[in-house]
Amino acid sequence: MKKIGEGKTAEVYSDGLYAYKKYHKNYDIRNIEYEVKVQNEIYDKTKLNVCHYEIEDQMIKMTLIDGVELADRIRIEKYKNWLEDFTDLQCEIYKCKNINLLDAYEVFKSQIIASKIDDSLKLKALESLERIDRLYQLCHLDFHPLNIIYSNNEYYIIDWTNAKLANPVMDIASTYIIFRQYISRQANRYLKMMIKKTGFSKEEIIDAIPLMAFIKLREN
């Protein structure tokens, strides 16, 4: 098999037909099982373009998507309407219903309380969480151009490990933080576009930023 990619926890190989996500030694099999469960819940219960997952020899097996990351369409192909496509796709996620995933409010509260990060930051994150209205819609929570593949004139969304039922302002805040870090010139344009398309106010999204910044700090 040919190696085609690598992340923090796994390497990705292909046999030409399927892709195989091979995790680093000693990676907890329960995490692999959880990732497969989340992925297949979305595959089975939505019309989003996502792959079906199987566990094979402690690897995740999936159909190989022959395409390019949206990030490469932006960087190499100079595709100009990418942000319109990106925000449309993100809004499609929020329409999905009757998904059996974890409650982001409960998960994030537990993670904040258990964290060893500075107490003042924990307090800001908890206050941010309390200000967010309780909505339970499908949210990716790691949505950025590297997690979107363009293939045969369609977009496929990958890496659903962080997906939960949440208020979309959490997801928008998460993406906004990523934009501020890596493509800062597009961050405010992205924010304005999402406000227009979702109807959430700027204040609602800004209120979620301390929470999502804390979650990202904890992950790193």
C-alpha atoms as a PDB file:
ATOM      1  CA  MET A   1       0.000   0.000   0.000  1.00  0.00           C
ATOM      2  CA  LYS A   2       1.076   3.558  -0.695  1.00  0.00           C
ATOM      3  CA  LYS A   3       1.258   6.186   2.049  1.00  0.00           C
ATOM      4  CA  ILE A   4      -0.870   9.192   1.074  1.00  0.00           C
ATOM      5  CA  GLY A   5      -1.089  11.251   4.260  1.00  0.00           C
ATOM      6  CA  GLU A   6      -0.204  11.651   7.913  1.00  0.00           C
ATOM      7  CA  GLY A   7      -1.782  13.340  10.946  1.00  0.00           C
ATOM      8  CA  LYS A   8      -1.086  13.681  14.648  1.00  0.00           C
ATOM      9  CA  THR A   9      -2.426  10.229  15.532  1.00  0.00           C
ATOM     10  CA  ALA A  10      -2.376   8.219  12.317  1.00  0.00           C
ATOM     11  CA  GLU A  11      -0.943   7.637   8.853  1.00  0.00           C
ATOM     12  CA  VAL A  12      -3.156   7.100   5.803  1.00  0.00           C
ATOM     13  CA  TYR A  13      -2.450   4.483   3.141  1.00  0.00           C
ATOM     14  CA  SER A  14      -4.187   3.475  -0.078  1.00  0.00           C
ATOM     15  CA  ASP A  15      -4.420   0.323  -2.175  1.00  0.00           C
ATOM     16  CA  GLY A  16      -5.947   2.275  -5.062  1.00  0.00           C
ATOM     17  CA  LEU A  17      -9.533   1.444  -4.128  1.00  0.00           C
ATOM     18  CA  TYR A  18      -9.732   2.041  -0.393  1.00  0.00           C
ATOM     19  CA  ALA A  19      -7.968   4.298   2.079  1.00  0.00           C
ATOM     20  CA  TYR A  20      -6.726   2.918   5.402  1.00  0.00           C
ATOM     21  CA  LYS A  21      -6.159   5.039   8.492  1.00  0.00           C
ATOM     22  CA  LYS A  22      -3.418   3.323  10.504  1.00  0.00           C
ATOM     23  CA  TYR A  23      -3.064   4.651  14.036  1.00  0.00           C
ATOM     24  CA  HIS A  24       0.172   5.005  15.928  1.00  0.00           C
ATOM     25  CA  LYS A  25       1.209   2.188  18.228  1.00  0.00           C
ATOM     26  CA  ASN A  26      -0.625   2.053  21.578  1.00  0.00           C
ATOM     27  CA  TYR A  27      -3.463   4.276  20.313  1.00  0.00           C
ATOM     28  CA  ASP A  28      -6.593   3.319  22.282  1.00  0.00           C
ATOM     29  CA  ILE A  29      -8.880   1.046  20.246  1.00  0.00           C
ATOM     30  CA  ARG A  30     -11.862   2.652  22.014  1.00  0.00           C
ATOM     31  CA  ASN A  31     -11.049   5.938  20.295  1.00  0.00           C
ATOM     32  CA  ILE A  32     -11.034   4.179  16.920  1.00  0.00           C
ATOM     33  CA  GLU A  33     -14.387   2.544  17.685  1.00  0.00           C
ATOM     34  CA  TYR A  34     -15.842   5.913  18.715  1.00  0.00           C
ATOM     35  CA  GLU A  35     -14.621   7.574  15.505  1.00  0.00           C
ATOM     36  CA  VAL A  36     -16.235   4.827  13.417  1.00  0.00           C
ATOM     37  CA  LYS A  37     -19.492   5.113  15.380  1.00  0.00           C
ATOM     38  CA  VAL A  38     -19.707   8.891  14.839  1.00  0.00           C
ATOM     39  CA  GLN A  39     -18.812   8.640  11.153  1.00  0.00           C
ATOM     40  CA  ASN A  40     -21.368   5.936  10.408  1.00  0.00           C
ATOM     41  CA  GLU A  41     -24.091   7.717  12.368  1.00  0.00           C
ATOM     42  CA  ILE A  42     -23.672  10.672  10.010  1.00  0.00           C
ATOM     43  CA  TYR A  43     -23.323   8.410   6.962  1.00  0.00           C
ATOM     44  CA  ASP A  44     -26.524   6.510   7.828  1.00  0.00           C
ATOM     45  CA  LYS A  45     -28.747   9.409   8.922  1.00  0.00           C
ATOM     46  CA  THR A  46     -27.839  12.347   6.678  1.00  0.00           C
ATOM     47  CA  LYS A  47     -27.510  13.094   2.974  1.00  0.00           C
ATOM     48  CA  LEU A  48     -24.107  14.710   3.440  1.00  0.00           C
ATOM     49  CA  ASN A  49     -21.250  13.389   1.319  1.00  0.00           C
ATOM     50  CA  VAL A  50     -19.285  11.337   3.828  1.00  0.00           C
ATOM     51  CA  CYS A  51     -17.578   7.942   3.705  1.00  0.00           C
ATOM     52  CA  HIS A  52     -18.662   4.753   5.440  1.00  0.00           C
ATOM     53  CA  TYR A  53     -16.078   3.410   7.903  1.00  0.00           C
ATOM     54  CA  GLU A  54     -15.115  -0.148   8.864  1.00  0.00           C
ATOM     55  CA  ILE A  55     -12.523  -1.396  11.328  1.00  0.00           C
ATOM     56  CA  GLU A  56     -10.060  -3.808   9.748  1.00  0.00           C
ATOM     57  CA  ASP A  57      -6.948  -5.028  11.614  1.00  0.00           C
ATOM     58  CA  GLN A  58      -7.193  -2.029  13.981  1.00  0.00           C
ATOM     59  CA  MET A  59      -7.231   0.319  10.996  1.00  0.00           C
ATOM     60  CA  ILE A  60     -10.163   2.325   9.664  1.00  0.00           C
ATOM     61  CA  LYS A  61     -11.053   1.306   6.122  1.00  0.00           C
ATOM     62  CA  MET A  62     -12.952   3.758   3.898  1.00  0.00           C
ATOM     63  CA  THR A  63     -13.657   4.367   0.222  1.00  0.00           C
ATOM     64  CA  LEU A  64     -10.836   6.303  -1.387  1.00  0.00           C
ATOM     65  CA  ILE A  65     -11.951   9.783  -2.479  1.00  0.00           C
ATOM     66  CA  ASP A  66      -9.973  10.787  -5.551  1.00  0.00           C
ATOM     67  CA  GLY A  67      -9.918  14.556  -5.246  1.00  0.00           C
ATOM     68  CA  VAL A  68      -8.192  17.616  -3.825  1.00  0.00           C
ATOM     69  CA  GLU A  69      -8.576  19.428  -0.540  1.00  0.00           C
ATOM     70  CA  LEU A  70     -10.483  22.690  -0.707  1.00  0.00           C
ATOM     71  CA  ALA A  71      -7.313  24.271   0.688  1.00  0.00           C
ATOM     72  CA  ASP A  72      -5.508  23.273  -2.531  1.00  0.00           C
ATOM     73  CA  ARG A  73      -8.323  24.649  -4.695  1.00  0.00           C
ATOM     74  CA  ILE A  74      -7.748  27.955  -2.906  1.00  0.00           C
ATOM     75  CA  ARG A  75      -3.942  27.890  -2.894  1.00  0.00           C
ATOM     76  CA  ILE A  76      -3.081  26.200  -6.197  1.00  0.00           C
ATOM     77  CA  GLU A  77      -6.121  26.625  -8.414  1.00  0.00           C
ATOM     78  CA  LYS A  78      -6.896  30.163  -7.141  1.00  0.00           C
ATOM     79  CA  TYR A  79     -10.584  29.289  -6.927  1.00  0.00           C
ATOM     80  CA  LYS A  80     -12.351  32.553  -6.119  1.00  0.00           C
ATOM     81  CA  ASN A  81     -15.781  31.403  -4.891  1.00  0.00           C
ATOM     82  CA  TRP A  82     -14.443  29.012  -2.273  1.00  0.00           C
ATOM     83  CA  LEU A  83     -15.804  30.903   0.736  1.00  0.00           C
ATOM     84  CA  GLU A  84     -19.317  30.897  -0.693  1.00  0.00           C
ATOM     85  CA  ASP A  85     -19.074  27.116  -1.209  1.00  0.00           C
ATOM     86  CA  PHE A  86     -17.499  26.667   2.227  1.00  0.00           C
ATOM     87  CA  THR A  87     -20.213  28.536   4.125  1.00  0.00           C
ATOM     88  CA  ASP A  88     -23.027  26.894   2.136  1.00  0.00           C
ATOM     89  CA  LEU A  89     -21.623  23.484   3.021  1.00  0.00           C
ATOM     90  CA  GLN A  90     -21.284  24.381   6.698  1.00  0.00           C
ATOM     91  CA  CYS A  91     -24.904  25.569   6.799  1.00  0.00           C
ATOM     92  CA  GLU A  92     -26.058  22.269   5.239  1.00  0.00           C
ATOM     93  CA  ILE A  93     -24.601  20.429   8.230  1.00  0.00           C
ATOM     94  CA  TYR A  94     -26.843  22.349  10.640  1.00  0.00           C
ATOM     95  CA  LYS A  95     -30.003  21.156   8.842  1.00  0.00           C
ATOM     96  CA  CYS A  96     -29.407  17.513   9.785  1.00  0.00           C
ATOM     97  CA  LYS A  97     -31.718  16.141  12.477  1.00  0.00           C
ATOM     98  CA  ASN A  98     -32.314  12.986  14.540  1.00  0.00           C
ATOM     99  CA  ILE A  99     -28.607  12.266  14.935  1.00  0.00           C
ATOM    100  CA  ASN A 100     -27.448  10.249  17.950  1.00  0.00           C
ATOM    101  CA  LEU A 101     -24.287  12.032  19.078  1.00  0.00           C
ATOM    102  CA  LEU A 102     -22.890  13.419  22.309  1.00  0.00           C
ATOM    103  CA  ASP A 103     -24.248  16.596  23.914  1.00  0.00           C
ATOM    104  CA  ALA A 104     -21.602  19.311  23.403  1.00  0.00           C
ATOM    105  CA  TYR A 105     -22.741  21.229  26.494  1.00  0.00           C
ATOM    106  CA  GLU A 106     -22.163  18.283  28.818  1.00  0.00           C
ATOM    107  CA  VAL A 107     -18.920  17.182  27.145  1.00  0.00           C
ATOM    108  CA  PHE A 108     -17.386  20.657  27.138  1.00  0.00           C
ATOM    109  CA  LYS A 109     -18.398  21.363  30.738  1.00  0.00           C
ATOM    110  CA  SER A 110     -16.751  18.128  31.886  1.00  0.00           C
ATOM    111  CA  GLN A 111     -13.619  18.840  29.860  1.00  0.00           C
ATOM    112  CA  ILE A 112     -13.293  22.348  31.269  1.00  0.00           C
ATOM    113  CA  ILE A 113     -13.732  21.243  34.878  1.00  0.00           C
ATOM    114  CA  ALA A 114     -11.259  18.348  34.484  1.00  0.00           C
ATOM    115  CA  SER A 115      -8.636  20.480  32.727  1.00  0.00           C
ATOM    116  CA  LYS A 116      -5.420  21.567  34.441  1.00  0.00           C
ATOM    117  CA  ILE A 117      -5.392  24.852  32.503  1.00  0.00           C
ATOM    118  CA  ASP A 118      -5.369  28.106  34.492  1.00  0.00           C
ATOM    119  CA  ASP A 119      -8.501  28.624  36.623  1.00  0.00           C
ATOM    120  CA  SER A 120      -9.159  32.109  35.246  1.00  0.00           C
ATOM    121  CA  LEU A 121      -9.390  30.697  31.722  1.00  0.00           C
ATOM    122  CA  LYS A 122     -11.612  27.869  32.951  1.00  0.00           C
ATOM    123  CA  LEU A 123     -13.971  30.414  34.498  1.00  0.00           C
ATOM    124  CA  LYS A 124     -14.168  32.408  31.246  1.00  0.00           C
ATOM    125  CA  ALA A 125     -14.893  29.218  29.306  1.00  0.00           C
ATOM    126  CA  LEU A 126     -17.647  28.146  31.716  1.00  0.00           C
ATOM    127  CA  GLU A 127     -19.212  31.616  31.618  1.00  0.00           C
ATOM    128  CA  SER A 128     -19.106  31.504  27.825  1.00  0.00           C
ATOM    129  CA  LEU A 129     -20.784  28.070  27.829  1.00  0.00           C
ATOM    130  CA  GLU A 130     -23.567  29.313  30.107  1.00  0.00           C
ATOM    131  CA  ARG A 131     -24.347  32.230  27.787  1.00  0.00           C
ATOM    132  CA  ILE A 132     -24.936  29.976  24.768  1.00  0.00           C
ATOM    133  CA  ASP A 133     -28.568  29.067  24.082  1.00  0.00           C
ATOM    134  CA  ARG A 134     -29.330  25.354  24.218  1.00  0.00           C
ATOM    135  CA  LEU A 135     -29.699  24.125  20.648  1.00  0.00           C
ATOM    136  CA  TYR A 136     -28.962  20.577  19.526  1.00  0.00           C
ATOM    137  CA  GLN A 137     -27.999  20.576  15.857  1.00  0.00           C
ATOM    138  CA  LEU A 138     -25.310  18.594  14.087  1.00  0.00           C
ATOM    139  CA  CYS A 139     -21.991  20.469  14.297  1.00  0.00           C
ATOM    140  CA  HIS A 140     -18.642  19.352  12.869  1.00  0.00           C
ATOM    141  CA  LEU A 141     -16.560  21.418  15.337  1.00  0.00           C
ATOM    142  CA  ASP A 142     -13.363  21.193  13.266  1.00  0.00           C
ATOM    143  CA  PHE A 143     -14.633  22.648  10.008  1.00  0.00           C
ATOM    144  CA  HIS A 144     -11.919  24.149   7.805  1.00  0.00           C
ATOM    145  CA  PRO A 145     -10.654  23.852   4.188  1.00  0.00           C
ATOM    146  CA  LEU A 146      -8.353  20.904   4.949  1.00  0.00           C
ATOM    147  CA  ASN A 147     -11.343  18.819   6.003  1.00  0.00           C
ATOM    148  CA  ILE A 148     -13.206  19.250   2.716  1.00  0.00           C
ATOM    149  CA  ILE A 149     -12.339  17.205  -0.384  1.00  0.00           C
ATOM    150  CA  TYR A 150     -13.446  18.253  -3.874  1.00  0.00           C
ATOM    151  CA  SER A 151     -14.058  15.283  -6.173  1.00  0.00           C
ATOM    152  CA  ASN A 152     -16.111  14.927  -9.387  1.00  0.00           C
ATOM    153  CA  ASN A 153     -17.738  18.335  -8.885  1.00  0.00           C
ATOM    154  CA  GLU A 154     -18.855  17.494  -5.350  1.00  0.00           C
ATOM    155  CA  TYR A 155     -17.579  18.243  -1.858  1.00  0.00           C
ATOM    156  CA  TYR A 156     -16.928  15.552   0.732  1.00  0.00           C
ATOM    157  CA  ILE A 157     -16.567  16.403   4.416  1.00  0.00           C
ATOM    158  CA  ILE A 158     -14.001  14.392   6.360  1.00  0.00           C
ATOM    159  CA  ASP A 159     -12.733  14.047   9.953  1.00  0.00           C
ATOM    160  CA  TRP A 160     -15.946  13.996  11.979  1.00  0.00           C
ATOM    161  CA  THR A 161     -14.243  12.905  15.216  1.00  0.00           C
ATOM    162  CA  ASN A 162     -15.195  16.102  17.068  1.00  0.00           C
ATOM    163  CA  ALA A 163     -18.811  16.180  15.837  1.00  0.00           C
ATOM    164  CA  LYS A 164     -21.511  16.686  18.467  1.00  0.00           C
ATOM    165  CA  LEU A 165     -24.993  18.037  18.950  1.00  0.00           C
ATOM    166  CA  ALA A 166     -24.511  21.716  19.686  1.00  0.00           C
ATOM    167  CA  ASN A 167     -25.545  25.274  19.007  1.00  0.00           C
ATOM    168  CA  PRO A 168     -24.092  26.213  15.586  1.00  0.00           C
ATOM    169  CA  VAL A 169     -22.528  29.335  17.122  1.00  0.00           C
ATOM    170  CA  MET A 170     -19.992  26.958  18.707  1.00  0.00           C
ATOM    171  CA  ASP A 171     -19.100  25.573  15.289  1.00  0.00           C
ATOM    172  CA  ILE A 172     -18.917  29.022  13.696  1.00  0.00           C
ATOM    173  CA  ALA A 173     -16.748  30.307  16.559  1.00  0.00           C
ATOM    174  CA  SER A 174     -14.463  27.288  16.165  1.00  0.00           C
ATOM    175  CA  THR A 175     -13.983  27.930  12.443  1.00  0.00           C
ATOM    176  CA  TYR A 176     -13.535  31.666  13.040  1.00  0.00           C
ATOM    177  CA  ILE A 177     -10.680  30.927  15.470  1.00  0.00           C
ATOM    178  CA  ILE A 178      -9.016  28.657  12.877  1.00  0.00           C
ATOM    179  CA  PHE A 179      -9.358  31.376  10.245  1.00  0.00           C
ATOM    180  CA  ARG A 180      -7.853  33.964  12.590  1.00  0.00           C
ATOM    181  CA  GLN A 181      -4.863  31.645  13.110  1.00  0.00           C
ATOM    182  CA  TYR A 182      -4.198  30.524   9.549  1.00  0.00           C
ATOM    183  CA  ILE A 183      -6.040  32.742   7.026  1.00  0.00           C
ATOM    184  CA  SER A 184      -6.630  35.878   9.058  1.00  0.00           C
ATOM    185  CA  ARG A 185      -7.493  38.087   6.091  1.00  0.00           C
ATOM    186  CA  GLN A 186     -10.603  35.968   5.449  1.00  0.00           C
ATOM    187  CA  ALA A 187     -11.793  35.704   9.062  1.00  0.00           C
ATOM    188  CA  ASN A 188     -14.085  38.738   9.165  1.00  0.00           C
ATOM    189  CA  ARG A 189     -15.428  38.021   5.686  1.00  0.00           C
ATOM    190  CA  TYR A 190     -16.258  34.492   6.827  1.00  0.00           C
ATOM    191  CA  LEU A 191     -17.960  35.791   9.971  1.00  0.00           C
ATOM    192  CA  LYS A 192     -20.126  38.284   8.060  1.00  0.00           C
ATOM    193  CA  MET A 193     -21.152  35.601   5.578  1.00  0.00           C
ATOM    194  CA  MET A 194     -22.187  33.156   8.310  1.00  0.00           C
ATOM    195  CA  ILE A 195     -24.161  35.830  10.163  1.00  0.00           C
ATOM    196  CA  LYS A 196     -26.083  36.535   6.957  1.00  0.00           C
ATOM    197  CA  LYS A 197     -26.695  32.877   6.112  1.00  0.00           C
ATOM    198  CA  THR A 198     -27.607  31.569   9.584  1.00  0.00           C
ATOM    199  CA  GLY A 199     -29.353  34.533  11.204  1.00  0.00           C
ATOM    200  CA  PHE A 200     -27.192  34.333  14.317  1.00  0.00           C
ATOM    201  CA  SER A 201     -25.981  37.698  15.581  1.00  0.00           C
ATOM    202  CA  LYS A 202     -22.337  38.679  15.793  1.00  0.00           C
ATOM    203  CA  GLU A 203     -22.717  38.938  19.565  1.00  0.00           C
ATOM    204  CA  GLU A 204     -23.973  35.340  19.841  1.00  0.00           C
ATOM    205  CA  ILE A 205     -20.958  34.053  17.924  1.00  0.00           C
ATOM    206  CA  ILE A 206     -18.465  36.246  19.796  1.00  0.00           C
ATOM    207  CA  ASP A 207     -19.911  34.955  23.088  1.00  0.00           C
ATOM    208  CA  ALA A 208     -18.920  31.413  22.055  1.00  0.00           C
ATOM    209  CA  ILE A 209     -15.296  32.285  21.262  1.00  0.00           C
ATOM    210  CA  PRO A 210     -13.880  31.987  24.838  1.00  0.00           C
ATOM    211  CA  LEU A 211     -15.402  28.506  25.108  1.00  0.00           C
ATOM    212  CA  MET A 212     -14.102  27.247  21.776  1.00  0.00           C
ATOM    213  CA  ALA A 213     -10.690  28.864  22.261  1.00  0.00           C
ATOM    214  CA  PHE A 214     -10.401  26.980  25.555  1.00  0.00           C
ATOM    215  CA  ILE A 215     -11.405  23.677  23.922  1.00  0.00           C
ATOM    216  CA  LYS A 216      -8.760  24.166  21.241  1.00  0.00           C
ATOM    217  CA  LEU A 217      -6.147  25.103  23.840  1.00  0.00           C
ATOM    218  CA  ARG A 218      -6.991  21.952  25.767  1.00  0.00           C
ATOM    219  CA  GLU A 219      -6.710  19.786  22.620  1.00  0.00           C
ATOM    220  CA  ASN A 220      -3.259  21.185  21.857  1.00  0.00           C
END
